[in-house]
PDB file of N, CA and C in Angstrom:
ATOM      1  N   MET A   1      31.145  67.743  19.332  1.00  0.00           N
ATOM      2  CA  MET A   1      30.638  66.829  20.330  1.00  0.00           C
ATOM      3  C   MET A   1      29.174  66.324  19.841  1.00  0.00           C
ATOM      4  N   ALA A   2      28.009  67.031  19.678  1.00  0.00           N
ATOM      5  CA  ALA A   2      26.749  67.239  19.862  1.00  0.00           C
ATOM      6  C   ALA A   2      26.963  66.391  18.104  1.00  0.00           C
ATOM      7  N   ARG A   3      27.572  66.777  17.485  1.00  0.00           N
ATOM      8  CA  ARG A   3      27.110  65.816  16.212  1.00  0.00           C
ATOM      9  C   ARG A   3      27.827  64.191  16.234  1.00  0.00           C
ATOM     10  N   LEU A   4      28.346  64.351  17.111  1.00  0.00           N
ATOM     11  CA  LEU A   4      29.310  63.046  17.585  1.00  0.00           C
ATOM     12  C   LEU A   4      28.130  62.242  18.062  1.00  0.00           C
ATOM     13  N   ASN A   5      27.579  62.839  18.941  1.00  0.00           N
ATOM     14  CA  ASN A   5      26.521  61.532  20.065  1.00  0.00           C
ATOM     15  C   ASN A   5      25.153  61.640  18.549  1.00  0.00           C
ATOM     16  N   ALA A   6      25.242  62.819  17.372  1.00  0.00           N
ATOM     17  CA  ALA A   6      24.094  62.687  17.046  1.00  0.00           C
ATOM     18  C   ALA A   6      23.968  61.126  15.874  1.00  0.00           C
ATOM     19  N   VAL A   7      25.247  61.186  15.846  1.00  0.00           N
ATOM     20  CA  VAL A   7      25.830  59.750  14.829  1.00  0.00           C
ATOM     21  C   VAL A   7      25.315  59.075  15.563  1.00  0.00           C
ATOM     22  N   LEU A   8      26.275  58.978  17.350  1.00  0.00           N
ATOM     23  CA  LEU A   8      26.246  57.660  17.376  1.00  0.00           C
ATOM     24  C   LEU A   8      24.685  57.399  17.777  1.00  0.00           C
ATOM     25  N   LEU A   9      24.316  58.232  18.097  1.00  0.00           N
ATOM     26  CA  LEU A   9      22.434  58.125  18.598  1.00  0.00           C
ATOM     27  C   LEU A   9      21.738  57.498  17.294  1.00  0.00           C
ATOM     28  N   LEU A  10      21.955  58.394  16.022  1.00  0.00           N
ATOM     29  CA  LEU A  10      21.517  57.434  15.131  1.00  0.00           C
ATOM     30  C   LEU A  10      22.087  55.817  14.512  1.00  0.00           C
ATOM     31  N   ALA A  11      23.559  55.282  15.114  1.00  0.00           N
ATOM     32  CA  ALA A  11      24.028  54.557  14.960  1.00  0.00           C
ATOM     33  C   ALA A  11      23.401  53.216  15.569  1.00  0.00           C
ATOM     34  N   VAL A  12      23.399  54.103  16.422  1.00  0.00           N
ATOM     35  CA  VAL A  12      22.077  52.910  18.086  1.00  0.00           C
ATOM     36  C   VAL A  12      20.347  52.315  17.579  1.00  0.00           C
ATOM     37  N   LEU A  13      20.501  53.082  17.189  1.00  0.00           N
ATOM     38  CA  LEU A  13      18.618  53.301  16.814  1.00  0.00           C
ATOM     39  C   LEU A  13      18.960  52.390  15.779  1.00  0.00           C
ATOM     40  N   THR A  14      19.835  52.317  14.537  1.00  0.00           N
ATOM     41  CA  THR A  14      19.956  51.574  13.426  1.00  0.00           C
ATOM     42  C   THR A  14      20.125  50.275  13.121  1.00  0.00           C
ATOM     43  N   SER A  15      20.142  50.000  14.842  1.00  0.00           N
ATOM     44  CA  SER A  15      21.900  49.020  15.302  1.00  0.00           C
ATOM     45  C   SER A  15      20.058  48.404  15.633  1.00  0.00           C
ATOM     46  N   ALA A  16      19.288  48.693  16.462  1.00  0.00           N
ATOM     47  CA  ALA A  16      18.382  48.350  17.451  1.00  0.00           C
ATOM     48  C   ALA A  16      17.084  48.171  16.253  1.00  0.00           C
ATOM     49  N   VAL A  17      17.058  49.101  15.369  1.00  0.00           N
ATOM     50  CA  VAL A  17      15.660  48.268  14.497  1.00  0.00           C
ATOM     51  C   VAL A  17      16.124  47.739  13.355  1.00  0.00           C
ATOM     52  N   TYR A  18      17.701  47.242  13.187  1.00  0.00           N
ATOM     53  CA  TYR A  18      17.858  45.664  12.336  1.00  0.00           C
ATOM     54  C   TYR A  18      17.520  44.866  13.212  1.00  0.00           C
ATOM     55  N   LEU A  19      18.186  44.806  14.549  1.00  0.00           N
ATOM     56  CA  LEU A  19      18.474  43.676  15.721  1.00  0.00           C
ATOM     57  C   LEU A  19      16.719  43.708  15.773  1.00  0.00           C
ATOM     58  N   VAL A  20      15.536  44.356  15.913  1.00  0.00           N
ATOM     59  CA  VAL A  20      14.434  43.856  15.787  1.00  0.00           C
ATOM     60  C   VAL A  20      13.821  43.264  15.242  1.00  0.00           C
ATOM     61  N   HIS A  21      14.688  43.774  13.038  1.00  0.00           N
ATOM     62  CA  HIS A  21      13.788  42.823  12.083  1.00  0.00           C
ATOM     63  C   HIS A  21      14.556  42.095  12.105  1.00  0.00           C
ATOM     64  N   THR A  22      15.325  41.449  12.878  1.00  0.00           N
ATOM     65  CA  THR A  22      16.332  40.273  12.529  1.00  0.00           C
ATOM     66  C   THR A  22      15.779  39.364  13.195  1.00  0.00           C
ATOM     67  N   GLN A  23      15.565  40.010  14.648  1.00  0.00           N
ATOM     68  CA  GLN A  23      14.592  38.157  15.386  1.00  0.00           C
ATOM     69  C   GLN A  23      13.255  38.243  14.638  1.00  0.00           C
ATOM     70  N   TYR A  24      11.844  39.527  14.212  1.00  0.00           N
ATOM     71  CA  TYR A  24      11.281  38.883  13.586  1.00  0.00           C
ATOM     72  C   TYR A  24      11.151  38.111  12.354  1.00  0.00           C
ATOM     73  N   GLU A  25      12.118  38.190  11.520  1.00  0.00           N
ATOM     74  CA  GLU A  25      12.330  37.919  10.480  1.00  0.00           C
ATOM     75  C   GLU A  25      12.848  35.939  11.200  1.00  0.00           C
ATOM     76  N   SER A  26      13.882  36.119  12.145  1.00  0.00           N
ATOM     77  CA  SER A  26      14.173  34.770  12.089  1.00  0.00           C
ATOM     78  C   SER A  26      12.901  33.816  12.986  1.00  0.00           C
ATOM     79  N   ARG A  27      12.396  34.302  13.670  1.00  0.00           N
ATOM     80  CA  ARG A  27      10.866  33.747  14.675  1.00  0.00           C
ATOM     81  C   ARG A  27      10.228  33.560  12.886  1.00  0.00           C
ATOM     82  N   ARG A  28       9.909  34.224  12.383  1.00  0.00           N
ATOM     83  CA  ARG A  28       9.198  33.966  10.992  1.00  0.00           C
ATOM     84  C   ARG A  28       8.944  32.480  10.121  1.00  0.00           C
ATOM     85  N   LEU A  29      10.630  32.776  10.033  1.00  0.00           N
ATOM     86  CA  LEU A  29      11.171  31.661   9.375  1.00  0.00           C
ATOM     87  C   LEU A  29      11.612  30.567  10.495  1.00  0.00           C
ATOM     88  N   PHE A  30      11.365  30.351  11.700  1.00  0.00           N
ATOM     89  CA  PHE A  30      11.413  29.256  12.261  1.00  0.00           C
ATOM     90  C   PHE A  30       9.445  28.790  12.417  1.00  0.00           C
ATOM     91  N   THR A  31       8.854  29.086  12.297  1.00  0.00           N
ATOM     92  CA  THR A  31       7.266  28.792  12.207  1.00  0.00           C
ATOM     93  C   THR A  31       7.035  28.447  10.866  1.00  0.00           C
ATOM     94  N   GLU A  32       7.552  28.963  10.038  1.00  0.00           N
ATOM     95  CA  GLU A  32       7.646  28.486   8.605  1.00  0.00           C
ATOM     96  C   GLU A  32       8.185  27.194   8.223  1.00  0.00           C
ATOM     97  N   LEU A  33       9.142  26.693   9.275  1.00  0.00           N
ATOM     98  CA  LEU A  33       9.732  25.378   8.974  1.00  0.00           C
ATOM     99  C   LEU A  33       9.320  24.532   9.792  1.00  0.00           C
ATOM    100  N   ASP A  34       8.955  25.116  10.931  1.00  0.00           N
ATOM    101  CA  ASP A  34       8.078  24.334  12.099  1.00  0.00           C
ATOM    102  C   ASP A  34       6.424  23.966  10.676  1.00  0.00           C
ATOM    103  N   ARG A  35       6.422  25.104  10.294  1.00  0.00           N
ATOM    104  CA  ARG A  35       4.786  24.022   9.354  1.00  0.00           C
ATOM    105  C   ARG A  35       5.662  23.154   8.111  1.00  0.00           C
ATOM    106  N   ALA A  36       6.514  23.405   7.628  1.00  0.00           N
ATOM    107  CA  ALA A  36       6.621  22.637   6.235  1.00  0.00           C
ATOM    108  C   ALA A  36       7.382  20.706   7.622  1.00  0.00           C
ATOM    109  N   HIS A  37       7.739  20.961   7.755  1.00  0.00           N
ATOM    110  CA  HIS A  37       7.992  19.850   8.787  1.00  0.00           C
ATOM    111  C   HIS A  37       6.598  19.446   9.055  1.00  0.00           C
ATOM    112  N   ALA A  38       5.658  19.697   9.683  1.00  0.00           N
ATOM    113  CA  ALA A  38       4.381  19.384  10.097  1.00  0.00           C
ATOM    114  C   ALA A  38       4.161  18.514   8.810  1.00  0.00           C
ATOM    115  N   GLN A  39       3.616  19.926   8.350  1.00  0.00           N
ATOM    116  CA  GLN A  39       3.487  19.170   6.624  1.00  0.00           C
ATOM    117  C   GLN A  39       3.528  18.078   5.323  1.00  0.00           C
ATOM    118  N   ALA A  40       5.230  17.763   5.663  1.00  0.00           N
ATOM    119  CA  ALA A  40       5.931  16.319   5.421  1.00  0.00           C
ATOM    120  C   ALA A  40       5.646  15.093   6.512  1.00  0.00           C
ATOM    121  N   ARG A  41       5.174  15.729   7.177  1.00  0.00           N
ATOM    122  CA  ARG A  41       5.169  14.410   8.731  1.00  0.00           C
ATOM    123  C   ARG A  41       3.643  14.010   7.671  1.00  0.00           C
ATOM    124  N   ARG A  42       2.381  14.875   7.637  1.00  0.00           N
ATOM    125  CA  ARG A  42       1.328  14.622   7.066  1.00  0.00           C
ATOM    126  C   ARG A  42       1.696  13.752   5.890  1.00  0.00           C
ATOM    127  N   LEU A  43       1.901  14.302   5.825  1.00  0.00           N
ATOM    128  CA  LEU A  43       2.393  13.898   3.552  1.00  0.00           C
ATOM    129  C   LEU A  43       2.954  12.130   3.951  1.00  0.00           C
ATOM    130  N   GLU A  44       3.740  12.331   5.019  1.00  0.00           N
ATOM    131  CA  GLU A  44       4.472  10.813   4.892  1.00  0.00           C
ATOM    132  C   GLU A  44       3.675   9.901   5.980  1.00  0.00           C
ATOM    133  N   THR A  45       2.559  10.301   6.251  1.00  0.00           N
ATOM    134  CA  THR A  45       1.641   9.423   6.662  1.00  0.00           C
ATOM    135  C   THR A  45       0.689   9.109   5.810  1.00  0.00           C
ATOM    136  N   GLU A  46      -0.171   9.895   4.948  1.00  0.00           N
ATOM    137  CA  GLU A  46      -0.396  10.172   3.654  1.00  0.00           C
ATOM    138  C   GLU A  46       0.220   8.555   2.846  1.00  0.00           C
ATOM    139  N   TYR A  47       1.530   8.930   2.686  1.00  0.00           N
ATOM    140  CA  TYR A  47       1.966   7.738   1.395  1.00  0.00           C
ATOM    141  C   TYR A  47       1.736   6.970   1.923  1.00  0.00           C
ATOM    142  N   ARG A  48       1.912   6.778   3.043  1.00  0.00           N
ATOM    143  CA  ARG A  48       2.373   4.867   4.010  1.00  0.00           C
ATOM    144  C   ARG A  48       0.680   4.817   4.035  1.00  0.00           C
ATOM    145  N   ARG A  49      -0.115   4.886   4.048  1.00  0.00           N
ATOM    146  CA  ARG A  49      -1.431   4.910   3.935  1.00  0.00           C
ATOM    147  C   ARG A  49      -2.299   4.637   2.391  1.00  0.00           C
ATOM    148  N   LEU A  50      -1.760   5.164   1.873  1.00  0.00           N
ATOM    149  CA  LEU A  50      -1.530   4.809   0.058  1.00  0.00           C
ATOM    150  C   LEU A  50      -1.173   3.758  -0.577  1.00  0.00           C
ATOM    151  N   GLN A  51       0.667   3.367   0.346  1.00  0.00           N
ATOM    152  CA  GLN A  51       1.167   1.888  -0.122  1.00  0.00           C
ATOM    153  C   GLN A  51       0.332   0.348   0.719  1.00  0.00           C
ATOM    154  N   VAL A  52      -0.258   1.504   1.747  1.00  0.00           N
ATOM    155  CA  VAL A  52      -1.204   0.179   2.670  1.00  0.00           C
ATOM    156  C   VAL A  52      -2.010  -0.234   1.451  1.00  0.00           C
ATOM    157  N   GLU A  53      -2.695   0.738   1.078  1.00  0.00           N
ATOM    158  CA  GLU A  53      -4.064   0.513   0.477  1.00  0.00           C
ATOM    159  C   GLU A  53      -4.128  -0.235  -1.398  1.00  0.00           C
ATOM    160  N   LYS A  54      -2.325   1.136  -1.229  1.00  0.00           N
ATOM    161  CA  LYS A  54      -2.644  -0.282  -2.724  1.00  0.00           C
ATOM    162  C   LYS A  54      -2.103  -1.264  -3.061  1.00  0.00           C
ATOM    163  N   ARG A  55      -1.266  -1.768  -2.052  1.00  0.00           N
ATOM    164  CA  ARG A  55      -1.022  -3.507  -1.530  1.00  0.00           C
ATOM    165  C   ARG A  55      -2.439  -3.734  -1.474  1.00  0.00           C
ATOM    166  N   ALA A  56      -3.149  -3.474  -0.992  1.00  0.00           N
ATOM    167  CA  ALA A  56      -4.624  -4.704  -0.045  1.00  0.00           C
ATOM    168  C   ALA A  56      -5.310  -4.047  -1.701  1.00  0.00           C
ATOM    169  N   GLN A  57      -5.075  -3.509  -2.872  1.00  0.00           N
ATOM    170  CA  GLN A  57      -6.001  -3.649  -4.059  1.00  0.00           C
ATOM    171  C   GLN A  57      -5.166  -4.441  -5.244  1.00  0.00           C
ATOM    172  N   ALA A  58      -3.734  -4.890  -4.459  1.00  0.00           N
ATOM    173  CA  ALA A  58      -3.417  -5.610  -6.190  1.00  0.00           C
ATOM    174  C   ALA A  58      -3.202  -6.866  -5.590  1.00  0.00           C
ATOM    175  N   THR A  59      -3.922  -7.722  -4.732  1.00  0.00           N
ATOM    176  CA  THR A  59      -3.593  -9.208  -4.504  1.00  0.00           C
ATOM    177  C   THR A  59      -4.211 -10.213  -5.836  1.00  0.00           C
ATOM    178  N   PRO A  60      -3.782 -10.537  -5.973  1.00  0.00           N
ATOM    179  CA  PRO A  60      -4.110 -11.588  -6.786  1.00  0.00           C
ATOM    180  C   PRO A  60      -5.187 -12.632  -7.441  1.00  0.00           C
ATOM    181  N   LEU A  61      -5.597 -12.343  -6.331  1.00  0.00           N
ATOM    182  CA  LEU A  61      -7.140 -12.547  -6.107  1.00  0.00           C
ATOM    183  C   LEU A  61      -8.437 -11.722  -6.673  1.00  0.00           C
ATOM    184  N   ARG A  62      -8.060 -10.949  -6.181  1.00  0.00           N
ATOM    185  CA  ARG A  62      -9.124  -9.590  -6.188  1.00  0.00           C
ATOM    186  C   ARG A  62      -8.806  -9.006  -8.122  1.00  0.00           C
ATOM    187  N   ILE A  63      -7.399  -9.592  -8.272  1.00  0.00           N
ATOM    188  CA  ILE A  63      -7.082  -8.638  -9.152  1.00  0.00           C
ATOM    189  C   ILE A  63      -7.646 -10.227 -10.759  1.00  0.00           C
ATOM    190  N   GLU A  64      -7.858 -11.424 -10.467  1.00  0.00           N
ATOM    191  CA  GLU A  64      -8.309 -12.023 -11.030  1.00  0.00           C
ATOM    192  C   GLU A  64      -9.825 -12.261 -10.960  1.00  0.00           C
ATOM    193  N   LYS A  65     -10.442 -11.936  -9.815  1.00  0.00           N
ATOM    194  CA  LYS A  65     -12.259 -11.779  -9.641  1.00  0.00           C
ATOM    195  C   LYS A  65     -12.827 -10.323 -10.391  1.00  0.00           C
ATOM    196  N   MET A  66     -11.846  -9.455 -10.563  1.00  0.00           N
ATOM    197  CA  MET A  66     -12.376  -8.409 -11.840  1.00  0.00           C
ATOM    198  C   MET A  66     -11.814  -8.493 -13.036  1.00  0.00           C
ATOM    199  N   ALA A  67     -11.254  -8.730 -13.535  1.00  0.00           N
ATOM    200  CA  ALA A  67     -10.428  -9.622 -14.697  1.00  0.00           C
ATOM    201  C   ALA A  67     -12.620 -10.515 -15.401  1.00  0.00           C
ATOM    202  N   ARG A  68     -12.471 -11.411 -14.560  1.00  0.00           N
ATOM    203  CA  ARG A  68     -13.837 -12.198 -14.776  1.00  0.00           C
ATOM    204  C   ARG A  68     -14.841 -11.217 -14.610  1.00  0.00           C
ATOM    205  N   GLY A  69     -15.057 -11.051 -13.362  1.00  0.00           N
ATOM    206  CA  GLY A  69     -16.619 -10.191 -13.435  1.00  0.00           C
ATOM    207  C   GLY A  69     -16.638  -8.987 -13.780  1.00  0.00           C
ATOM    208  N   GLN A  70     -15.422  -8.167 -14.075  1.00  0.00           N
ATOM    209  CA  GLN A  70     -15.904  -6.148 -14.936  1.00  0.00           C
ATOM    210  C   GLN A  70     -15.472  -6.487 -16.514  1.00  0.00           C
ATOM    211  N   LEU A  71     -14.605  -7.291 -16.793  1.00  0.00           N
ATOM    212  CA  LEU A  71     -14.132  -7.884 -17.913  1.00  0.00           C
ATOM    213  C   LEU A  71     -13.948  -8.697 -19.290  1.00  0.00           C
ATOM    214  N   ASN A  72     -14.509  -9.938 -18.220  1.00  0.00           N
ATOM    215  CA  ASN A  72     -15.088 -10.679 -18.337  1.00  0.00           C
ATOM    216  C   ASN A  72     -13.539 -11.870 -19.421  1.00  0.00           C
ATOM    217  N   MET A  73     -13.057 -11.864 -18.671  1.00  0.00           N
ATOM    218  CA  MET A  73     -12.060 -12.408 -19.595  1.00  0.00           C
ATOM    219  C   MET A  73     -12.101 -14.151 -18.901  1.00  0.00           C
ATOM    220  N   LEU A  74     -11.191 -14.408 -19.611  1.00  0.00           N
ATOM    221  CA  LEU A  74     -11.546 -16.664 -18.865  1.00  0.00           C
ATOM    222  C   LEU A  74     -10.187 -16.667 -19.224  1.00  0.00           C
ATOM    223  N   PRO A  75      -9.397 -17.615 -17.993  1.00  0.00           N
ATOM    224  CA  PRO A  75      -8.133 -17.894 -18.621  1.00  0.00           C
ATOM    225  C   PRO A  75      -7.561 -18.799 -19.816  1.00  0.00           C
ATOM    226  N   ALA A  76      -6.319 -18.713 -19.930  1.00  0.00           N
ATOM    227  CA  ALA A  76      -5.974 -18.912 -21.940  1.00  0.00           C
ATOM    228  C   ALA A  76      -5.788 -20.851 -21.893  1.00  0.00           C
ATOM    229  N   THR A  77      -6.903 -21.427 -22.388  1.00  0.00           N
ATOM    230  CA  THR A  77      -6.414 -22.716 -23.277  1.00  0.00           C
ATOM    231  C   THR A  77      -6.006 -23.086 -24.033  1.00  0.00           C
ATOM    232  N   PRO A  78      -6.313 -24.576 -24.817  1.00  0.00           N
ATOM    233  CA  PRO A  78      -6.077 -24.757 -25.281  1.00  0.00           C
ATOM    234  C   PRO A  78      -7.205 -24.536 -26.743  1.00  0.00           C
ATOM    235  N   ALA A  79      -8.479 -24.467 -25.879  1.00  0.00           N
ATOM    236  CA  ALA A  79      -9.332 -24.622 -26.888  1.00  0.00           C
ATOM    237  C   ALA A  79      -9.598 -23.475 -27.595  1.00  0.00           C
ATOM    238  N   ILE A  80      -9.469 -21.912 -26.436  1.00  0.00           N
ATOM    239  CA  ILE A  80      -9.136 -20.458 -26.937  1.00  0.00           C
ATOM    240  C   ILE A  80      -8.014 -19.840 -27.884  1.00  0.00           C
ATOM    241  N   THR A  81      -7.496 -20.302 -27.510  1.00  0.00           N
ATOM    242  CA  THR A  81      -6.280 -20.177 -27.818  1.00  0.00           C
ATOM    243  C   THR A  81      -6.231 -19.832 -29.333  1.00  0.00           C
ATOM    244  N   GLN A  82      -5.985 -19.014 -30.067  1.00  0.00           N
ATOM    245  CA  GLN A  82      -5.927 -18.848 -31.729  1.00  0.00           C
ATOM    246  C   GLN A  82      -4.307 -18.345 -32.393  1.00  0.00           C
ATOM    247  N   TYR A  83      -3.827 -19.957 -32.891  1.00  0.00           N
ATOM    248  CA  TYR A  83      -2.185 -19.579 -33.522  1.00  0.00           C
ATOM    249  C   TYR A  83      -2.250 -18.322 -34.336  1.00  0.00           C
ATOM    250  N   VAL A  84      -1.209 -17.220 -34.497  1.00  0.00           N
ATOM    251  CA  VAL A  84      -1.428 -16.921 -36.156  1.00  0.00           C
ATOM    252  C   VAL A  84       0.039 -17.270 -36.535  1.00  0.00           C
ATOM    253  N   THR A  85       0.327 -17.098 -38.150  1.00  0.00           N
ATOM    254  CA  THR A  85       1.318 -17.711 -38.770  1.00  0.00           C
ATOM    255  C   THR A  85       1.050 -16.657 -39.670  1.00  0.00           C
ATOM    256  N   ASP A  86       2.192 -16.769 -40.178  1.00  0.00           N
ATOM    257  CA  ASP A  86       3.087 -16.038 -41.344  1.00  0.00           C
ATOM    258  C   ASP A  86       2.395 -16.400 -42.202  1.00  0.00           C
ATOM    259  N   PRO A  87       1.828 -15.859 -43.537  1.00  0.00           N
ATOM    260  CA  PRO A  87       1.205 -16.830 -44.354  1.00  0.00           C
ATOM    261  C   PRO A  87       2.493 -16.458 -45.449  1.00  0.00           C
ATOM    262  N   GLN A  88       3.280 -15.395 -45.113  1.00  0.00           N
ATOM    263  CA  GLN A  88       4.723 -14.940 -46.209  1.00  0.00           C
ATOM    264  C   GLN A  88       6.031 -16.217 -45.766  1.00  0.00           C
ATOM    265  N   GLY A  89       5.913 -16.748 -44.369  1.00  0.00           N
ATOM    266  CA  GLY A  89       6.622 -17.354 -44.607  1.00  0.00           C
ATOM    267  C   GLY A  89       7.858 -17.354 -43.549  1.00  0.00           C
ATOM    268  N   ALA A  90       7.298 -15.724 -43.508  1.00  0.00           N
ATOM    269  CA  ALA A  90       8.991 -14.701 -43.091  1.00  0.00           C
ATOM    270  C   ALA A  90       9.492 -15.684 -41.913  1.00  0.00           C
ATOM    271  N   GLN A  91      10.675 -15.245 -41.460  1.00  0.00           N
ATOM    272  CA  GLN A  91      11.273 -15.339 -40.126  1.00  0.00           C
ATOM    273  C   GLN A  91      11.889 -13.760 -39.570  1.00  0.00           C
ATOM    274  N   PRO A  92      11.657 -13.804 -38.093  1.00  0.00           N
ATOM    275  CA  PRO A  92      12.196 -11.793 -38.177  1.00  0.00           C
ATOM    276  C   PRO A  92      13.923 -12.703 -37.964  1.00  0.00           C
TER     277      PRO A  92
END
C-alpha cells in the first residue's frame, strides 16, 4: 500500500509541476503575442506615415522644381532636340 501511495504522490507532484510549467509557458507566450501585436500596430502606423510622406514628395511640381534646380534639366523643345539617324539606313 505504501508503494502505491508513493507512486500516486509522485504522479500528483509530476502533474502539479507540469501544470505550473504549462501555465508559465502560456503566460510567456501571451506576453510575447501582445508585444508582437503592439509592434505590428507601430509598424502599420509608420508605414502609413511613410506612404503620406512619399505622396507628398512625389508631386509633379516638386519633381519639376528639383529637375530644374538641382539637375539643371530643361523641358524638351524642338530647338534643343537632336535626332539620331542610322548612317547605314538599317531598319529594326
